[in-house]
Amino acid sequence: MMKTCEFLLITDTIEDAIKFYTEKLAFDITNLEASRETPGTLAGAEIRKGKCFIAFKTPLVEELAEFSFIKRCSSRCVGLVVEMKKGLDKYFTRCQKKGVKIVSELKDQGAYRSFAIRDPFGNKLIFTQLIEGKKPQPSADFAGKPFSAQSTAGRKEADVINELVDQLKRFGILRRAAKKYAKLRFKQAQGK
């Protein structure tokens, strides 16, 4: 069973990444790794803010060609969603004052309030917070098929699960993963 997860970003220079994320976004450094190939530079770093962990890495010599190709691609950016417990409005104001490039203004969407920024390396970060008193609602469809508590009423759980698994198998999703997701959505529809 997995215990933690960390997001890895590949950058030109670790120093620039650390500077942006610590000075502009108020992340804390948790680990630094010196480069063996180029003395006086960093080869990696780890930062965190709350339970959000990000690692930075520069490409090794054998990875430079691949990294160079990725940099030229117009859609090379990566997205990261950071869910906050509180203080989203204050954090948004901080980002504005620090000159962070905001790509989506602070707005409410469903049960969440969010805004998005872009870091100097092209990565999009979406900061979001659950609006007090609201609960996120599961989607009203299941992979393109209408799905709700009413559509499952009076039916056996096993029959509904098998039907949902068959729907996911059309997308090439393996039975084990499809069954776990189908059970999760069934329970959500039942309010469990």
N, C-alpha and C. Protein backbone atom coordinates (compact mmCIF):
# COMPACT_ATOMS: atom_id res chain seq x y z
N MET A 1 0.84 -1.18 0.00
CA MET A 1 0.00 0.00 0.00
C MET A 1 0.89 1.25 0.00
N MET A 2 0.53 2.23 -0.80
CA MET A 2 1.31 3.46 -0.87
C MET A 2 1.07 4.33 0.35
N LYS A 3 2.13 4.96 0.80
CA LYS A 3 2.03 5.82 1.97
C LYS A 3 2.04 7.30 1.58
N THR A 4 2.93 7.68 0.68
CA THR A 4 3.01 9.08 0.27
C THR A 4 3.21 9.17 -1.23
N CYS A 5 3.09 10.39 -1.73
CA CYS A 5 3.28 10.64 -3.15
C CYS A 5 3.94 12.00 -3.29
N GLU A 6 4.85 12.10 -4.23
CA GLU A 6 5.56 13.35 -4.45
C GLU A 6 5.56 13.63 -5.95
N PHE A 7 5.35 14.87 -6.31
CA PHE A 7 5.31 15.27 -7.70
C PHE A 7 6.72 15.65 -8.15
N LEU A 8 7.16 15.22 -9.33
CA LEU A 8 8.50 15.50 -9.83
C LEU A 8 8.41 16.43 -11.03
N LEU A 9 9.13 17.55 -10.96
CA LEU A 9 9.21 18.49 -12.07
C LEU A 9 10.64 18.54 -12.58
N ILE A 10 10.80 18.46 -13.89
CA ILE A 10 12.12 18.57 -14.52
C ILE A 10 12.32 20.03 -14.90
N THR A 11 13.44 20.62 -14.47
CA THR A 11 13.70 22.03 -14.75
C THR A 11 15.11 22.21 -15.30
N ASP A 12 15.34 23.38 -15.90
CA ASP A 12 16.68 23.72 -16.40
C ASP A 12 17.65 23.88 -15.24
N THR A 13 17.21 24.64 -14.24
CA THR A 13 18.08 24.87 -13.08
C THR A 13 17.26 24.72 -11.79
N ILE A 14 17.80 23.98 -10.88
CA ILE A 14 17.15 23.78 -9.59
C ILE A 14 17.12 25.10 -8.82
N GLU A 15 18.17 25.86 -8.94
CA GLU A 15 18.26 27.14 -8.20
C GLU A 15 17.10 28.07 -8.55
N ASP A 16 16.76 28.18 -9.85
CA ASP A 16 15.65 29.04 -10.27
C ASP A 16 14.31 28.50 -9.74
N ALA A 17 14.16 27.19 -9.76
CA ALA A 17 12.92 26.58 -9.26
C ALA A 17 12.77 26.85 -7.76
N ILE A 18 13.85 26.65 -7.01
CA ILE A 18 13.80 26.90 -5.57
C ILE A 18 13.48 28.35 -5.28
N LYS A 19 14.10 29.25 -6.02
CA LYS A 19 13.88 30.68 -5.81
C LYS A 19 12.41 31.03 -6.02
N PHE A 20 11.82 30.56 -7.11
CA PHE A 20 10.41 30.87 -7.38
C PHE A 20 9.49 30.28 -6.33
N TYR A 21 9.64 28.99 -6.06
CA TYR A 21 8.71 28.31 -5.16
C TYR A 21 8.86 28.74 -3.70
N THR A 22 10.06 29.10 -3.27
CA THR A 22 10.23 29.53 -1.88
C THR A 22 9.89 31.01 -1.71
N GLU A 23 10.33 31.86 -2.63
CA GLU A 23 10.11 33.30 -2.48
C GLU A 23 8.70 33.72 -2.88
N LYS A 24 8.19 33.18 -3.97
CA LYS A 24 6.88 33.62 -4.47
C LYS A 24 5.72 32.83 -3.89
N LEU A 25 5.91 31.51 -3.70
CA LEU A 25 4.81 30.67 -3.24
C LEU A 25 4.94 30.19 -1.80
N ALA A 26 6.02 30.56 -1.13
CA ALA A 26 6.24 30.28 0.30
C ALA A 26 6.36 28.79 0.63
N PHE A 27 6.91 28.00 -0.28
CA PHE A 27 7.21 26.60 0.03
C PHE A 27 8.49 26.55 0.86
N ASP A 28 8.71 25.46 1.56
CA ASP A 28 9.91 25.26 2.37
C ASP A 28 10.77 24.18 1.74
N ILE A 29 12.08 24.36 1.82
CA ILE A 29 13.02 23.37 1.31
C ILE A 29 13.11 22.23 2.32
N THR A 30 13.04 20.98 1.83
CA THR A 30 13.17 19.83 2.72
C THR A 30 14.42 19.01 2.41
N ASN A 31 14.96 19.14 1.18
CA ASN A 31 16.15 18.38 0.83
C ASN A 31 16.82 19.00 -0.39
N LEU A 32 18.16 18.96 -0.41
CA LEU A 32 18.94 19.43 -1.56
C LEU A 32 19.95 18.36 -1.94
N GLU A 33 20.20 18.22 -3.24
CA GLU A 33 21.17 17.24 -3.73
C GLU A 33 22.15 17.95 -4.66
N ALA A 34 23.43 17.91 -4.32
CA ALA A 34 24.46 18.55 -5.14
C ALA A 34 24.72 17.72 -6.39
N SER A 35 25.08 18.41 -7.46
CA SER A 35 25.39 17.74 -8.72
C SER A 35 26.78 17.12 -8.67
N ARG A 36 26.89 15.88 -9.11
CA ARG A 36 28.20 15.22 -9.20
C ARG A 36 28.88 15.59 -10.51
N GLU A 37 28.08 15.87 -11.54
CA GLU A 37 28.61 16.20 -12.86
C GLU A 37 29.14 17.62 -12.94
N THR A 38 28.42 18.56 -12.31
CA THR A 38 28.78 19.98 -12.36
C THR A 38 28.92 20.51 -10.94
N PRO A 39 30.12 20.55 -10.42
CA PRO A 39 30.30 21.06 -9.05
C PRO A 39 29.79 22.50 -8.92
N GLY A 40 29.21 22.80 -7.76
CA GLY A 40 28.70 24.14 -7.51
C GLY A 40 27.27 24.34 -7.96
N THR A 41 26.63 23.30 -8.47
CA THR A 41 25.23 23.39 -8.86
C THR A 41 24.45 22.28 -8.16
N LEU A 42 23.14 22.43 -8.19
CA LEU A 42 22.27 21.43 -7.58
C LEU A 42 21.70 20.51 -8.65
N ALA A 43 21.58 19.23 -8.34
CA ALA A 43 21.00 18.25 -9.26
C ALA A 43 19.56 17.93 -8.88
N GLY A 44 19.18 18.25 -7.66
CA GLY A 44 17.83 17.95 -7.21
C GLY A 44 17.48 18.68 -5.95
N ALA A 45 16.19 18.80 -5.71
CA ALA A 45 15.70 19.45 -4.49
C ALA A 45 14.29 18.95 -4.21
N GLU A 46 13.92 19.03 -2.97
CA GLU A 46 12.55 18.71 -2.56
C GLU A 46 12.03 19.87 -1.72
N ILE A 47 10.78 20.24 -1.99
CA ILE A 47 10.14 21.31 -1.24
C ILE A 47 8.77 20.84 -0.79
N ARG A 48 8.20 21.59 0.15
CA ARG A 48 6.85 21.24 0.61
C ARG A 48 6.15 22.46 1.17
N LYS A 49 4.85 22.38 1.14
CA LYS A 49 3.98 23.34 1.81
C LYS A 49 2.81 22.52 2.32
N GLY A 50 2.73 22.39 3.63
CA GLY A 50 1.72 21.51 4.21
C GLY A 50 1.99 20.08 3.79
N LYS A 51 1.00 19.45 3.18
CA LYS A 51 1.16 18.06 2.73
C LYS A 51 1.44 17.98 1.23
N CYS A 52 1.73 19.10 0.61
CA CYS A 52 2.06 19.13 -0.82
C CYS A 52 3.58 19.06 -0.97
N PHE A 53 4.06 17.99 -1.59
CA PHE A 53 5.50 17.78 -1.79
C PHE A 53 5.82 17.86 -3.28
N ILE A 54 6.87 18.60 -3.62
CA ILE A 54 7.33 18.69 -5.00
C ILE A 54 8.83 18.46 -5.02
N ALA A 55 9.28 17.64 -5.95
CA ALA A 55 10.71 17.41 -6.15
C ALA A 55 11.11 18.01 -7.49
N PHE A 56 12.29 18.58 -7.54
CA PHE A 56 12.85 19.13 -8.77
C PHE A 56 14.07 18.34 -9.16
N LYS A 57 14.27 18.19 -10.45
CA LYS A 57 15.41 17.44 -10.95
C LYS A 57 15.86 18.09 -12.24
N THR A 58 17.17 18.13 -12.46
CA THR A 58 17.69 18.54 -13.76
C THR A 58 18.00 17.26 -14.54
N PRO A 59 17.88 17.31 -15.84
CA PRO A 59 18.12 16.09 -16.61
C PRO A 59 19.59 15.69 -16.58
N LEU A 60 19.83 14.39 -16.55
CA LEU A 60 21.19 13.87 -16.66
C LEU A 60 21.65 13.99 -18.11
N VAL A 61 22.94 13.84 -18.34
CA VAL A 61 23.48 13.99 -19.69
C VAL A 61 22.73 13.10 -20.68
N GLU A 62 22.47 11.86 -20.31
CA GLU A 62 21.79 10.94 -21.22
C GLU A 62 20.31 11.29 -21.42
N GLU A 63 19.76 12.17 -20.60
CA GLU A 63 18.36 12.58 -20.73
C GLU A 63 18.21 13.92 -21.45
N LEU A 64 19.30 14.60 -21.76
CA LEU A 64 19.23 15.94 -22.33
C LEU A 64 18.49 15.99 -23.67
N ALA A 65 18.71 15.03 -24.55
CA ALA A 65 18.03 15.04 -25.84
C ALA A 65 16.51 14.94 -25.66
N GLU A 66 16.09 14.05 -24.78
CA GLU A 66 14.66 13.89 -24.51
C GLU A 66 14.10 15.17 -23.88
N PHE A 67 14.82 15.75 -22.93
CA PHE A 67 14.37 16.97 -22.27
C PHE A 67 14.28 18.12 -23.26
N SER A 68 15.26 18.22 -24.17
CA SER A 68 15.27 19.27 -25.18
C SER A 68 14.04 19.17 -26.08
N PHE A 69 13.67 17.93 -26.45
CA PHE A 69 12.49 17.72 -27.27
C PHE A 69 11.23 18.13 -26.52
N ILE A 70 11.13 17.76 -25.26
CA ILE A 70 9.96 18.10 -24.45
C ILE A 70 9.81 19.60 -24.33
N LYS A 71 10.92 20.31 -24.16
CA LYS A 71 10.88 21.76 -24.02
C LYS A 71 10.34 22.43 -25.28
N ARG A 72 10.60 21.84 -26.45
CA ARG A 72 10.15 22.43 -27.71
C ARG A 72 8.67 22.17 -27.97
N CYS A 73 8.09 21.19 -27.33
CA CYS A 73 6.68 20.87 -27.55
C CYS A 73 5.80 21.99 -26.98
N SER A 74 4.80 22.37 -27.74
CA SER A 74 3.94 23.47 -27.29
C SER A 74 3.09 23.10 -26.09
N SER A 75 2.80 21.82 -25.93
CA SER A 75 1.95 21.41 -24.82
C SER A 75 2.75 20.71 -23.72
N ARG A 76 3.95 21.18 -23.45
CA ARG A 76 4.82 20.49 -22.50
C ARG A 76 4.43 20.71 -21.06
N CYS A 77 3.53 21.64 -20.81
CA CYS A 77 3.23 21.98 -19.42
C CYS A 77 2.54 20.84 -18.68
N VAL A 78 2.72 20.85 -17.40
CA VAL A 78 2.15 19.86 -16.50
C VAL A 78 1.20 20.61 -15.56
N GLY A 79 0.18 19.95 -15.11
CA GLY A 79 -0.73 20.56 -14.16
C GLY A 79 -0.66 19.88 -12.81
N LEU A 80 -0.84 20.65 -11.77
CA LEU A 80 -0.81 20.14 -10.41
C LEU A 80 -1.93 20.82 -9.63
N VAL A 81 -2.76 20.04 -8.97
CA VAL A 81 -3.84 20.60 -8.15
C VAL A 81 -3.42 20.52 -6.70
N VAL A 82 -3.46 21.66 -6.02
CA VAL A 82 -3.08 21.75 -4.61
C VAL A 82 -4.33 22.12 -3.83
N GLU A 83 -4.83 21.16 -3.03
CA GLU A 83 -6.02 21.42 -2.24
C GLU A 83 -5.60 22.01 -0.90
N MET A 84 -6.19 23.14 -0.56
CA MET A 84 -5.86 23.84 0.68
C MET A 84 -7.00 23.66 1.68
N LYS A 85 -6.63 23.63 2.98
CA LYS A 85 -7.64 23.52 4.03
C LYS A 85 -8.30 24.87 4.28
N LYS A 86 -7.47 25.94 4.30
CA LYS A 86 -7.98 27.28 4.56
C LYS A 86 -7.00 28.30 4.01
N GLY A 87 -7.45 29.56 3.94
CA GLY A 87 -6.57 30.65 3.56
C GLY A 87 -6.36 30.85 2.07
N LEU A 88 -7.27 30.35 1.23
CA LEU A 88 -7.10 30.47 -0.22
C LEU A 88 -7.12 31.93 -0.67
N ASP A 89 -8.06 32.72 -0.17
CA ASP A 89 -8.15 34.12 -0.58
C ASP A 89 -6.88 34.89 -0.21
N LYS A 90 -6.38 34.64 0.97
CA LYS A 90 -5.15 35.29 1.43
C LYS A 90 -3.96 34.87 0.57
N TYR A 91 -3.90 33.59 0.21
CA TYR A 91 -2.82 33.07 -0.62
C TYR A 91 -2.89 33.67 -2.03
N PHE A 92 -4.11 33.85 -2.54
CA PHE A 92 -4.30 34.47 -3.85
C PHE A 92 -3.76 35.91 -3.84
N THR A 93 -4.08 36.65 -2.80
CA THR A 93 -3.59 38.03 -2.66
C THR A 93 -2.07 38.05 -2.59
N ARG A 94 -1.49 37.11 -1.86
CA ARG A 94 -0.03 37.01 -1.76
C ARG A 94 0.59 36.78 -3.14
N CYS A 95 0.01 35.87 -3.90
CA CYS A 95 0.54 35.58 -5.24
C CYS A 95 0.47 36.82 -6.13
N GLN A 96 -0.62 37.57 -6.05
CA GLN A 96 -0.73 38.80 -6.82
C GLN A 96 0.36 39.80 -6.44
N LYS A 97 0.56 39.98 -5.15
CA LYS A 97 1.56 40.94 -4.67
C LYS A 97 2.98 40.54 -5.06
N LYS A 98 3.24 39.23 -5.14
CA LYS A 98 4.58 38.72 -5.48
C LYS A 98 4.82 38.68 -6.99
N GLY A 99 3.82 39.06 -7.77
CA GLY A 99 3.99 39.10 -9.23
C GLY A 99 3.92 37.75 -9.91
N VAL A 100 3.26 36.80 -9.29
CA VAL A 100 3.10 35.46 -9.87
C VAL A 100 2.11 35.56 -11.04
N LYS A 101 2.40 34.87 -12.14
CA LYS A 101 1.54 34.89 -13.32
C LYS A 101 0.26 34.10 -13.04
N ILE A 102 -0.85 34.82 -12.88
CA ILE A 102 -2.14 34.19 -12.59
C ILE A 102 -2.86 33.95 -13.92
N VAL A 103 -3.21 32.70 -14.19
CA VAL A 103 -3.86 32.35 -15.45
C VAL A 103 -5.37 32.16 -15.30
N SER A 104 -5.84 32.03 -14.08
CA SER A 104 -7.28 31.92 -13.81
C SER A 104 -7.55 32.61 -12.48
N GLU A 105 -8.37 33.64 -12.53
CA GLU A 105 -8.68 34.40 -11.33
C GLU A 105 -9.44 33.56 -10.30
N LEU A 106 -9.48 34.04 -9.09
CA LEU A 106 -10.18 33.38 -7.99
C LEU A 106 -11.67 33.31 -8.30
N LYS A 107 -12.24 32.08 -8.31
CA LYS A 107 -13.66 31.92 -8.61
C LYS A 107 -14.20 30.67 -7.95
N ASP A 108 -15.52 30.62 -7.82
CA ASP A 108 -16.21 29.46 -7.26
C ASP A 108 -16.65 28.56 -8.41
N GLN A 109 -16.40 27.26 -8.25
CA GLN A 109 -16.85 26.27 -9.22
C GLN A 109 -17.41 25.09 -8.43
N GLY A 110 -18.72 24.95 -8.44
CA GLY A 110 -19.34 23.88 -7.68
C GLY A 110 -19.08 24.06 -6.19
N ALA A 111 -18.51 23.06 -5.55
CA ALA A 111 -18.25 23.10 -4.12
C ALA A 111 -16.86 23.67 -3.79
N TYR A 112 -16.12 24.08 -4.82
CA TYR A 112 -14.75 24.54 -4.61
C TYR A 112 -14.55 25.98 -5.06
N ARG A 113 -13.62 26.64 -4.40
CA ARG A 113 -13.14 27.97 -4.79
C ARG A 113 -11.71 27.75 -5.24
N SER A 114 -11.31 28.34 -6.36
CA SER A 114 -9.97 28.06 -6.87
C SER A 114 -9.41 29.19 -7.72
N PHE A 115 -8.10 29.13 -7.93
CA PHE A 115 -7.42 29.99 -8.89
C PHE A 115 -6.22 29.21 -9.41
N ALA A 116 -5.68 29.65 -10.55
CA ALA A 116 -4.57 28.94 -11.17
C ALA A 116 -3.44 29.89 -11.51
N ILE A 117 -2.21 29.39 -11.39
CA ILE A 117 -1.02 30.15 -11.75
C ILE A 117 -0.18 29.33 -12.72
N ARG A 118 0.81 29.98 -13.32
CA ARG A 118 1.79 29.27 -14.14
C ARG A 118 3.16 29.65 -13.62
N ASP A 119 3.98 28.62 -13.36
CA ASP A 119 5.34 28.91 -12.88
C ASP A 119 6.23 29.26 -14.07
N PRO A 120 7.45 29.73 -13.82
CA PRO A 120 8.33 30.15 -14.92
C PRO A 120 8.72 29.03 -15.88
N PHE A 121 8.44 27.78 -15.53
CA PHE A 121 8.84 26.64 -16.35
C PHE A 121 7.68 26.10 -17.18
N GLY A 122 6.51 26.76 -17.11
CA GLY A 122 5.35 26.36 -17.89
C GLY A 122 4.39 25.44 -17.18
N ASN A 123 4.64 25.12 -15.93
CA ASN A 123 3.76 24.23 -15.17
C ASN A 123 2.58 25.02 -14.60
N LYS A 124 1.39 24.45 -14.70
CA LYS A 124 0.20 25.09 -14.18
C LYS A 124 -0.12 24.50 -12.81
N LEU A 125 -0.33 25.37 -11.83
CA LEU A 125 -0.72 24.95 -10.49
C LEU A 125 -2.09 25.53 -10.18
N ILE A 126 -3.00 24.66 -9.80
CA ILE A 126 -4.35 25.09 -9.44
C ILE A 126 -4.48 24.94 -7.93
N PHE A 127 -4.75 26.06 -7.27
CA PHE A 127 -4.94 26.06 -5.82
C PHE A 127 -6.45 26.08 -5.58
N THR A 128 -6.94 25.16 -4.77
CA THR A 128 -8.37 25.02 -4.57
C THR A 128 -8.68 24.78 -3.10
N GLN A 129 -9.90 25.16 -2.71
CA GLN A 129 -10.34 24.98 -1.33
C GLN A 129 -11.83 24.69 -1.34
N LEU A 130 -12.25 23.72 -0.55
CA LEU A 130 -13.66 23.39 -0.42
C LEU A 130 -14.38 24.56 0.24
N ILE A 131 -15.48 24.99 -0.36
CA ILE A 131 -16.26 26.11 0.20
C ILE A 131 -16.97 25.60 1.45
N GLU A 132 -16.85 26.38 2.53
CA GLU A 132 -17.41 25.98 3.82
C GLU A 132 -18.90 25.69 3.70
N GLY A 133 -19.30 24.54 4.23
CA GLY A 133 -20.70 24.14 4.22
C GLY A 133 -21.14 23.41 2.96
N LYS A 134 -20.25 23.25 1.99
CA LYS A 134 -20.61 22.55 0.75
C LYS A 134 -19.90 21.21 0.69
N LYS A 135 -20.52 20.26 0.00
CA LYS A 135 -19.93 18.95 -0.21
C LYS A 135 -19.74 18.75 -1.70
N PRO A 136 -18.59 18.18 -2.09
CA PRO A 136 -18.42 17.89 -3.52
C PRO A 136 -19.41 16.82 -3.96
N GLN A 137 -20.04 17.04 -5.09
CA GLN A 137 -21.00 16.09 -5.62
C GLN A 137 -20.35 15.24 -6.70
N PRO A 138 -20.52 13.93 -6.63
CA PRO A 138 -19.98 13.10 -7.70
C PRO A 138 -20.69 13.42 -9.02
N SER A 139 -20.02 13.18 -10.11
CA SER A 139 -20.56 13.44 -11.43
C SER A 139 -21.87 12.69 -11.62
N ALA A 140 -22.78 13.29 -12.41
CA ALA A 140 -24.07 12.67 -12.67
C ALA A 140 -23.99 11.60 -13.75
N ASP A 141 -22.78 11.36 -14.27
CA ASP A 141 -22.64 10.27 -15.22
C ASP A 141 -21.47 9.39 -14.84
N PHE A 142 -21.46 8.23 -15.42
CA PHE A 142 -20.41 7.25 -15.16
C PHE A 142 -19.78 6.92 -16.51
N ALA A 143 -18.68 7.57 -16.83
CA ALA A 143 -17.98 7.36 -18.10
C ALA A 143 -18.93 7.47 -19.29
N GLY A 144 -19.77 8.52 -19.28
CA GLY A 144 -20.67 8.76 -20.39
C GLY A 144 -22.04 8.14 -20.25
N LYS A 145 -22.29 7.43 -19.17
CA LYS A 145 -23.58 6.79 -18.95
C LYS A 145 -24.26 7.47 -17.76
N PRO A 146 -25.54 7.90 -17.90
CA PRO A 146 -26.22 8.54 -16.76
C PRO A 146 -26.18 7.64 -15.53
N PHE A 147 -25.89 8.25 -14.37
CA PHE A 147 -25.75 7.47 -13.14
C PHE A 147 -26.14 8.31 -11.94
N SER A 148 -27.03 7.78 -11.13
CA SER A 148 -27.46 8.48 -9.91
C SER A 148 -28.06 7.48 -8.94
N ALA A 149 -28.44 7.96 -7.77
CA ALA A 149 -29.07 7.09 -6.77
C ALA A 149 -30.39 6.55 -7.31
N GLN A 150 -31.12 7.36 -8.09
CA GLN A 150 -32.40 6.91 -8.65
C GLN A 150 -32.19 5.78 -9.67
N SER A 151 -31.09 5.85 -10.43
CA SER A 151 -30.86 4.82 -11.44
C SER A 151 -30.45 3.49 -10.83
N THR A 152 -30.04 3.50 -9.55
CA THR A 152 -29.65 2.26 -8.88
C THR A 152 -30.71 1.75 -7.91
N ALA A 153 -31.77 2.53 -7.70
CA ALA A 153 -32.80 2.19 -6.73
C ALA A 153 -33.49 0.88 -7.11
N GLY A 154 -33.62 -0.02 -6.12
CA GLY A 154 -34.33 -1.27 -6.30
C GLY A 154 -33.56 -2.33 -7.07
N ARG A 155 -32.32 -2.07 -7.39
CA ARG A 155 -31.52 -3.04 -8.15
C ARG A 155 -30.47 -3.65 -7.24
N LYS A 156 -30.08 -4.87 -7.54
CA LYS A 156 -29.03 -5.55 -6.76
C LYS A 156 -27.70 -4.85 -7.01
N GLU A 157 -26.93 -4.72 -5.94
CA GLU A 157 -25.62 -4.07 -6.04
C GLU A 157 -24.74 -4.79 -7.07
N ALA A 158 -24.70 -6.10 -7.04
CA ALA A 158 -23.85 -6.88 -7.95
C ALA A 158 -24.20 -6.61 -9.41
N ASP A 159 -25.51 -6.49 -9.71
CA ASP A 159 -25.93 -6.23 -11.09
C ASP A 159 -25.48 -4.84 -11.56
N VAL A 160 -25.64 -3.86 -10.68
CA VAL A 160 -25.22 -2.49 -11.02
C VAL A 160 -23.71 -2.43 -11.21
N ILE A 161 -22.97 -3.06 -10.30
CA ILE A 161 -21.50 -3.07 -10.39
C ILE A 161 -21.05 -3.71 -11.70
N ASN A 162 -21.62 -4.84 -12.06
CA ASN A 162 -21.24 -5.52 -13.30
C ASN A 162 -21.54 -4.67 -14.52
N GLU A 163 -22.67 -3.97 -14.50
CA GLU A 163 -23.02 -3.08 -15.61
C GLU A 163 -22.01 -1.93 -15.73
N LEU A 164 -21.62 -1.39 -14.59
CA LEU A 164 -20.65 -0.29 -14.59
C LEU A 164 -19.26 -0.78 -15.04
N VAL A 165 -18.88 -1.97 -14.60
CA VAL A 165 -17.60 -2.56 -15.00
C VAL A 165 -17.58 -2.75 -16.51
N ASP A 166 -18.68 -3.25 -17.08
CA ASP A 166 -18.77 -3.44 -18.53
C ASP A 166 -18.61 -2.10 -19.26
N GLN A 167 -19.18 -1.04 -18.70
CA GLN A 167 -19.05 0.30 -19.30
C GLN A 167 -17.58 0.72 -19.34
N LEU A 168 -16.84 0.47 -18.26
CA LEU A 168 -15.43 0.87 -18.20
C LEU A 168 -14.54 -0.02 -19.07
N LYS A 169 -14.91 -1.27 -19.22
CA LYS A 169 -14.11 -2.18 -20.05
C LYS A 169 -14.11 -1.73 -21.51
N ARG A 170 -15.13 -0.99 -21.92
CA ARG A 170 -15.17 -0.44 -23.30
C ARG A 170 -14.02 0.53 -23.56
N PHE A 171 -13.49 1.11 -22.48
CA PHE A 171 -12.37 2.04 -22.59
C PHE A 171 -11.03 1.34 -22.42
N GLY A 172 -11.07 0.03 -22.23
CA GLY A 172 -9.84 -0.73 -22.07
C GLY A 172 -9.33 -0.78 -20.64
N ILE A 173 -10.17 -0.40 -19.69
CA ILE A 173 -9.78 -0.42 -18.28
C ILE A 173 -9.92 -1.85 -17.76
N LEU A 174 -8.89 -2.33 -17.10
CA LEU A 174 -8.89 -3.70 -16.58
C LEU A 174 -9.98 -3.89 -15.54
N ARG A 175 -10.46 -5.12 -15.44
CA ARG A 175 -11.58 -5.46 -14.55
C ARG A 175 -11.32 -5.07 -13.10
N ARG A 176 -10.12 -5.33 -12.59
CA ARG A 176 -9.83 -5.04 -11.18
C ARG A 176 -10.01 -3.55 -10.89
N ALA A 177 -9.43 -2.70 -11.73
CA ALA A 177 -9.54 -1.25 -11.54
C ALA A 177 -10.97 -0.79 -11.76
N ALA A 178 -11.63 -1.34 -12.77
CA ALA A 178 -13.01 -0.96 -13.07
C ALA A 178 -13.94 -1.32 -11.92
N LYS A 179 -13.74 -2.50 -11.35
CA LYS A 179 -14.61 -2.95 -10.26
C LYS A 179 -14.43 -2.08 -9.02
N LYS A 180 -13.19 -1.71 -8.70
CA LYS A 180 -12.95 -0.84 -7.53
C LYS A 180 -13.64 0.51 -7.71
N TYR A 181 -13.48 1.09 -8.91
CA TYR A 181 -14.09 2.39 -9.18
C TYR A 181 -15.62 2.28 -9.17
N ALA A 182 -16.16 1.22 -9.77
CA ALA A 182 -17.61 1.03 -9.81
C ALA A 182 -18.19 0.91 -8.39
N LYS A 183 -17.50 0.17 -7.52
CA LYS A 183 -17.96 0.03 -6.13
C LYS A 183 -17.93 1.38 -5.41
N LEU A 184 -16.87 2.14 -5.63
CA LEU A 184 -16.75 3.46 -5.01
C LEU A 184 -17.90 4.37 -5.44
N ARG A 185 -18.16 4.42 -6.74
CA ARG A 185 -19.24 5.28 -7.23
C ARG A 185 -20.61 4.79 -6.77
N PHE A 186 -20.79 3.48 -6.68
CA PHE A 186 -22.06 2.93 -6.19
C PHE A 186 -22.30 3.38 -4.75
N LYS A 187 -21.26 3.29 -3.92
CA LYS A 187 -21.39 3.71 -2.52
C LYS A 187 -21.69 5.21 -2.43
N GLN A 188 -21.03 6.00 -3.29
CA GLN A 188 -21.29 7.45 -3.28
C GLN A 188 -22.74 7.73 -3.65
N ALA A 189 -23.26 7.01 -4.63
CA ALA A 189 -24.65 7.21 -5.06
C ALA A 189 -25.62 6.84 -3.95
N GLN A 190 -25.24 5.87 -3.12
CA GLN A 190 -26.10 5.44 -2.01
C GLN A 190 -25.92 6.33 -0.79
N GLY A 191 -24.99 7.27 -0.84
CA GLY A 191 -24.75 8.19 0.28
C GLY A 191 -23.94 7.58 1.40
N LYS A 192 -23.15 6.57 1.08
CA LYS A 192 -22.33 5.89 2.11
C LYS A 192 -20.95 6.45 2.17
